[in-house]
Amino acid sequence: MPATIEQILEEALALPDDSRLLLAERLVESVNSSTSPDLEARQLAEVQRRMADVEAGRVELVPGSDALREVREAVRRTR
């Protein structure tokens, strides 16, 4: 019997951080494999614009742990 998504998720969450990150990257790549070149170019331009904003001091960076905490809290509030 094939594993359910919940079983796969449970096993994935038990992996070390670096393995979970690699798995997440590969899953995203598998979904984005059909992305159009135009969309990729627009995404790259957006990343470059944001990097320039950071380097110029126009935006303030937030530590990843703080950002994740805020996202988790927002998700909890919507449930």
Protein backbone atom coordinates (compact mmCIF):
# COMPACT_ATOMS: atom_id res chain seq x y z
CA MET A 1 0.00 0.00 0.00
CA PRO A 2 1.49 3.40 -0.99
CA ALA A 3 2.44 5.83 1.75
CA THR A 4 0.07 8.71 2.42
CA ILE A 5 1.14 12.32 2.22
CA GLU A 6 0.87 12.53 6.01
CA GLN A 7 3.23 9.54 6.42
CA ILE A 8 5.71 11.03 3.97
CA LEU A 9 5.53 14.38 5.75
CA GLU A 10 6.08 12.77 9.15
CA GLU A 11 9.18 10.97 7.83
CA ALA A 12 10.46 14.11 6.10
CA LEU A 13 10.08 16.18 9.27
CA ALA A 14 12.25 13.65 11.12
CA LEU A 15 15.16 14.34 8.75
CA PRO A 16 18.03 16.64 9.76
CA ASP A 17 17.62 20.30 8.72
CA ASP A 18 19.99 20.09 5.75
CA SER A 19 18.22 17.03 4.38
CA ARG A 20 14.81 18.68 4.76
CA LEU A 21 16.08 21.75 2.93
CA LEU A 22 17.43 19.63 0.08
CA LEU A 23 14.15 17.72 -0.14
CA ALA A 24 12.16 20.97 -0.20
CA GLU A 25 14.37 22.38 -2.96
CA ARG A 26 13.96 19.25 -5.06
CA LEU A 27 10.18 19.25 -4.58
CA VAL A 28 9.96 22.90 -5.64
CA GLU A 29 12.16 22.20 -8.66
CA SER A 30 9.88 19.33 -9.67
CA VAL A 31 6.86 21.65 -9.63
CA ASN A 32 8.62 24.55 -11.33
CA SER A 33 10.09 22.47 -14.16
CA SER A 34 7.44 23.79 -16.54
CA THR A 35 8.05 27.46 -15.70
CA SER A 36 8.19 29.63 -18.78
CA PRO A 37 11.43 31.45 -19.63
CA ASP A 38 9.53 34.76 -19.42
CA LEU A 39 8.41 34.00 -15.87
CA GLU A 40 11.93 32.94 -14.88
CA ALA A 41 13.30 36.21 -16.28
CA ARG A 42 10.73 38.24 -14.32
CA GLN A 43 11.51 36.28 -11.14
CA LEU A 44 15.24 36.87 -11.58
CA ALA A 45 14.63 40.60 -12.14
CA GLU A 46 12.57 40.73 -8.93
CA VAL A 47 15.31 38.97 -6.95
CA GLN A 48 17.91 41.38 -8.32
CA ARG A 49 15.72 44.38 -7.47
CA ARG A 50 15.25 43.15 -3.92
CA MET A 51 18.96 42.47 -3.50
CA ALA A 52 19.70 46.00 -4.68
CA ASP A 53 17.19 47.37 -2.13
CA VAL A 54 18.95 45.46 0.65
CA GLU A 55 22.40 46.53 -0.46
CA ALA A 56 21.28 50.17 -0.70
CA GLY A 57 19.75 50.05 2.78
CA ARG A 58 16.22 50.78 1.51
CA VAL A 59 14.82 47.76 3.35
CA GLU A 60 15.55 46.20 6.72
CA LEU A 61 16.24 42.48 6.86
CA VAL A 62 14.38 40.30 9.33
CA PRO A 63 16.08 37.23 10.82
CA GLY A 64 14.70 34.03 9.29
CA SER A 65 13.63 32.68 12.67
CA ASP A 66 11.56 35.82 13.31
CA ALA A 67 9.96 35.64 9.87
CA LEU A 68 9.05 31.97 10.31
CA ARG A 69 7.58 32.67 13.74
CA GLU A 70 5.42 35.46 12.29
CA VAL A 71 4.23 33.23 9.44
CA ARG A 72 3.37 30.40 11.83
CA GLU A 73 1.43 32.79 14.05
CA ALA A 74 -0.47 34.17 11.04
CA VAL A 75 -1.37 30.66 9.91
CA ARG A 76 -2.57 29.74 13.40
CA ARG A 77 -4.79 32.84 13.50
CA THR A 78 -6.47 31.88 10.21
CA ARG A 79 -7.39 28.35 11.32
